[in-house]
Protein backbone atom coordinates (compact mmCIF):
# COMPACT_ATOMS: atom_id res chain seq x y z
CA MET A 1 -26.71 -10.83 -9.92
CA ARG A 2 -23.58 -12.91 -9.92
CA GLN A 3 -22.34 -14.58 -6.75
CA ASN A 4 -18.63 -15.23 -7.39
CA PRO A 5 -17.16 -13.73 -4.17
CA ALA A 6 -13.61 -13.48 -5.52
CA ARG A 7 -14.78 -11.63 -8.64
CA ARG A 8 -17.00 -9.34 -6.54
CA ALA A 9 -14.04 -8.51 -4.25
CA ALA A 10 -11.80 -7.83 -7.26
CA LEU A 11 -14.42 -5.50 -8.75
CA LEU A 12 -14.81 -3.68 -5.43
CA ASP A 13 -11.04 -3.33 -5.10
CA ALA A 14 -10.94 -1.89 -8.62
CA ALA A 15 -13.81 0.46 -7.73
CA ILE A 16 -11.88 1.68 -4.68
CA GLU A 17 -8.88 2.44 -6.89
CA VAL A 18 -11.07 4.30 -9.41
CA LEU A 19 -12.84 6.27 -6.69
CA ALA A 20 -9.55 7.19 -5.01
CA ALA A 21 -7.90 8.25 -8.27
CA GLU A 22 -10.78 9.79 -10.20
CA GLY A 23 -13.24 10.87 -7.54
CA SER A 24 -16.96 10.25 -7.52
CA ARG A 25 -17.51 11.62 -11.01
CA GLY A 26 -15.02 9.16 -12.45
CA LEU A 27 -16.63 6.17 -10.78
CA THR A 28 -18.66 4.44 -13.47
CA LEU A 29 -19.40 0.78 -13.96
CA ARG A 30 -17.43 0.92 -17.22
CA ALA A 31 -14.41 2.49 -15.44
CA VAL A 32 -14.51 -0.28 -12.85
CA ASP A 33 -14.61 -2.90 -15.62
CA ALA A 34 -11.56 -1.29 -17.23
CA LYS A 35 -9.62 -1.07 -13.96
CA ALA A 36 -10.46 -4.70 -13.10
CA GLN A 37 -9.52 -5.72 -16.64
CA VAL A 38 -12.77 -7.59 -17.19
CA PRO A 39 -15.20 -7.47 -20.13
CA VAL A 40 -17.45 -4.44 -20.37
CA GLY A 41 -20.69 -5.13 -18.51
CA THR A 42 -19.15 -7.38 -15.85
CA CYS A 43 -19.60 -4.81 -13.08
CA SER A 44 -23.27 -4.35 -13.93
CA ASN A 45 -23.73 -8.11 -13.51
CA TYR A 46 -22.58 -7.78 -9.87
CA PHE A 47 -24.07 -4.43 -8.82
CA ALA A 48 -27.64 -3.46 -9.63
CA ASN A 49 -26.77 0.23 -9.83
CA ARG A 50 -24.26 2.85 -8.80
CA ALA A 51 -25.88 3.32 -5.37
CA GLU A 52 -25.38 -0.38 -4.62
CA LEU A 53 -21.78 -0.17 -5.79
CA LEU A 54 -21.15 2.81 -3.47
CA ARG A 55 -22.69 0.96 -0.53
CA GLN A 56 -20.54 -2.10 -1.13
CA ILE A 57 -17.41 0.03 -1.58
CA MET A 58 -18.09 1.38 1.90
CA GLU A 59 -18.23 -2.15 3.29
CA ARG A 60 -15.14 -3.27 1.36
CA THR A 61 -13.00 -0.36 2.57
CA ARG A 62 -13.91 -1.26 6.13
CA GLU A 63 -12.86 -4.88 5.49
CA ARG A 64 -9.57 -3.76 3.98
CA LEU A 65 -8.79 -1.40 6.86
CA THR A 66 -9.78 -3.66 9.76
CA PRO A 67 -6.75 -4.76 11.77
CA ASP A 68 -5.69 -8.38 11.95
CA PRO A 69 -7.27 -9.85 15.13
CA ALA A 70 -4.09 -11.83 15.87
CA GLU A 71 -2.01 -8.64 15.80
CA VAL A 72 -4.49 -6.92 18.12
CA ALA A 73 -4.42 -9.85 20.56
CA GLU A 74 -0.63 -9.85 20.52
CA ALA A 75 -0.50 -6.12 21.24
CA LEU A 76 -2.95 -6.52 24.13
CA ALA A 77 -0.42 -8.78 25.87
CA ALA A 78 1.51 -5.60 26.76
CA PRO A 79 0.62 -3.66 29.91
CA SER A 80 -2.12 -1.05 29.62
CA SER A 81 -0.56 2.37 29.12
CA PRO A 82 -0.76 5.53 27.02
CA GLU A 83 2.11 4.01 25.02
CA LEU A 84 -0.02 0.99 24.14
CA VAL A 85 -2.84 3.26 23.00
CA ALA A 86 -0.31 5.16 20.90
CA GLN A 87 0.81 1.85 19.38
CA PHE A 88 -2.78 1.10 18.31
CA LEU A 89 -3.15 4.59 16.83
CA ARG A 90 0.17 4.35 15.01
CA ASP A 91 -1.15 1.08 13.57
CA VAL A 92 -4.20 2.94 12.22
CA TYR A 93 -1.82 5.37 10.59
CA ARG A 94 0.33 2.53 9.24
CA ARG A 95 -2.75 0.91 7.66
CA MET A 96 -3.66 4.25 6.08
CA ASP A 97 -0.16 4.57 4.67
CA ALA A 98 -0.30 1.00 3.31
CA ASP A 99 -3.76 1.43 1.76
CA ARG A 100 -4.12 5.09 0.93
CA SER A 101 -6.68 4.26 -1.77
CA SER A 102 -9.17 2.96 0.81
CA TYR A 103 -8.90 6.13 2.87
CA LEU A 104 -9.18 8.37 -0.19
CA ALA A 105 -12.19 6.34 -1.36
CA MET A 106 -13.80 6.80 2.06
CA MET A 107 -13.24 10.54 1.82
CA GLU A 108 -14.92 10.53 -1.58
CA LEU A 109 -17.80 8.48 -0.15
CA ARG A 110 -18.23 11.04 2.65
CA LEU A 111 -18.51 13.82 0.07
CA GLU A 112 -20.89 11.76 -2.04
CA GLY A 113 -22.94 11.07 1.10
CA VAL A 114 -23.59 14.81 1.43
CA ARG A 115 -25.23 14.74 -2.01
CA ARG A 116 -26.95 11.35 -1.66
CA PRO A 117 -29.02 11.23 1.55
CA GLU A 118 -29.41 7.43 1.46
CA LEU A 119 -25.63 6.97 1.28
CA GLY A 120 -25.16 9.69 3.90
CA ALA A 121 -27.49 7.83 6.26
CA GLU A 122 -25.54 4.57 5.76
CA LEU A 123 -22.23 6.34 6.30
CA ASN A 124 -23.53 7.96 9.49
CA ARG A 125 -24.68 4.61 10.79
CA SER A 126 -21.47 2.85 9.82
CA PHE A 127 -19.16 5.47 11.32
CA ARG A 128 -21.27 5.73 14.48
CA VAL A 129 -21.09 1.94 14.93
CA ALA A 130 -17.34 1.94 14.26
CA LEU A 131 -16.72 4.67 16.82
CA GLU A 132 -18.83 2.86 19.42
CA GLU A 133 -16.93 -0.38 18.69
CA ASN A 134 -13.64 1.47 19.18
CA ILE A 135 -14.82 2.97 22.46
CA ARG A 136 -16.08 -0.42 23.67
CA PHE A 137 -12.80 -2.11 22.66
CA HIS A 138 -10.77 0.55 24.46
CA LEU A 139 -12.78 0.36 27.67
CA ASP A 140 -13.14 -3.44 27.67
CA ALA A 141 -9.36 -3.80 27.16
CA GLY A 142 -8.77 -1.65 30.24
CA LEU A 143 -6.80 0.93 28.31
CA PRO A 144 -6.33 4.32 29.99
CA GLY A 145 -8.93 6.98 29.29
CA ASP A 146 -12.68 7.20 29.01
CA ARG A 147 -15.28 7.63 26.24
CA VAL A 148 -14.44 11.28 25.70
CA ASP A 149 -10.70 10.52 25.53
CA VAL A 150 -11.28 7.84 22.89
CA THR A 151 -13.50 10.20 20.89
CA LEU A 152 -10.86 12.94 21.04
CA LEU A 153 -8.15 10.49 19.94
CA TYR A 154 -10.38 9.32 17.07
CA LEU A 155 -10.96 12.90 15.90
CA ALA A 156 -7.29 13.86 16.22
CA VAL A 157 -5.91 10.84 14.38
CA HIS A 158 -8.50 10.96 11.61
CA GLY A 159 -7.83 14.68 11.22
CA MET A 160 -4.13 13.87 10.86
CA ILE A 161 -4.98 11.27 8.23
CA VAL A 162 -7.06 13.77 6.24
CA ASP A 163 -4.18 16.24 6.33
CA ASP A 164 -1.66 13.56 5.38
CA LEU A 165 -3.77 12.53 2.38
CA THR A 166 -4.66 16.02 1.17
CA VAL A 167 -2.06 18.53 2.41
CA PRO A 168 0.89 16.42 3.59
CA ASP A 169 3.25 19.35 4.15
CA VAL A 170 1.04 20.91 6.85
CA LEU A 171 2.00 18.65 9.77
CA ALA A 172 5.26 19.43 11.47
CA GLY A 173 6.98 16.28 12.76
CA SER A 174 6.23 12.67 12.13
CA ALA A 175 2.78 11.26 12.65
CA GLY A 176 4.17 8.71 15.11
CA GLU A 177 5.74 11.41 17.25
CA LEU A 178 2.55 13.47 17.21
CA ILE A 179 0.47 10.43 18.17
CA ASP A 180 2.85 9.57 21.03
CA GLU A 181 2.66 13.14 22.33
CA LEU A 182 -1.13 13.23 21.98
CA CYS A 183 -1.47 10.09 24.09
CA ARG A 184 1.02 11.32 26.71
CA ARG A 185 -0.87 14.59 27.11
CA LEU A 186 -4.41 13.26 26.95
CA LEU A 187 -4.40 9.91 28.72
CA PRO A 188 -3.98 9.16 32.40
CA ARG A 189 -1.33 6.65 33.44
CA GLY A 190 -2.74 3.16 34.04
CA ALA A 191 -6.08 1.52 33.52
CA ALA A 192 -7.15 2.21 37.11
CA GLU A 193 -8.05 5.75 36.07
CA ASN A 194 -10.63 4.64 33.48
CA ALA A 195 -14.02 6.20 33.94
């Protein structure tokens, strides 16, 4: 297998676009080659098979959607409050809006994971780790709320994202307003109330 990291990233980015636009059935090594505008067979030089490509797409979408650590550190300079939590959640939504293909690709991977137990197991592990990292970040930062609050926020915001991507006319009001209201209603004022 080839080891050119820039070429591998470009192929994975092309694969994300194909998966988001065409779904799992449209994701072939040849389709990725075409989207990446590389010679036929290039993708197969980088990924041993479709299962490996799917696994690496999962990792690449996470890389693309991870917030900039400098932006997170800057935001944490503000006082702990439900408004700060809402700011972080609005940022999740902003990243989704900026990279809809990654979120759509992840939805396709979730569906494919139902049919491919090995992919499903990796997705379960990856999402479980990501949720635990989010909970740990929230609690370590002294943000208001506890584990259950963070889990509820995660479920609510990701549900909003699914609706925005698939049935965008369902939600009444802007996502930002809904997120602000969710945090106001769910979270206690101040970090002193953390459990």
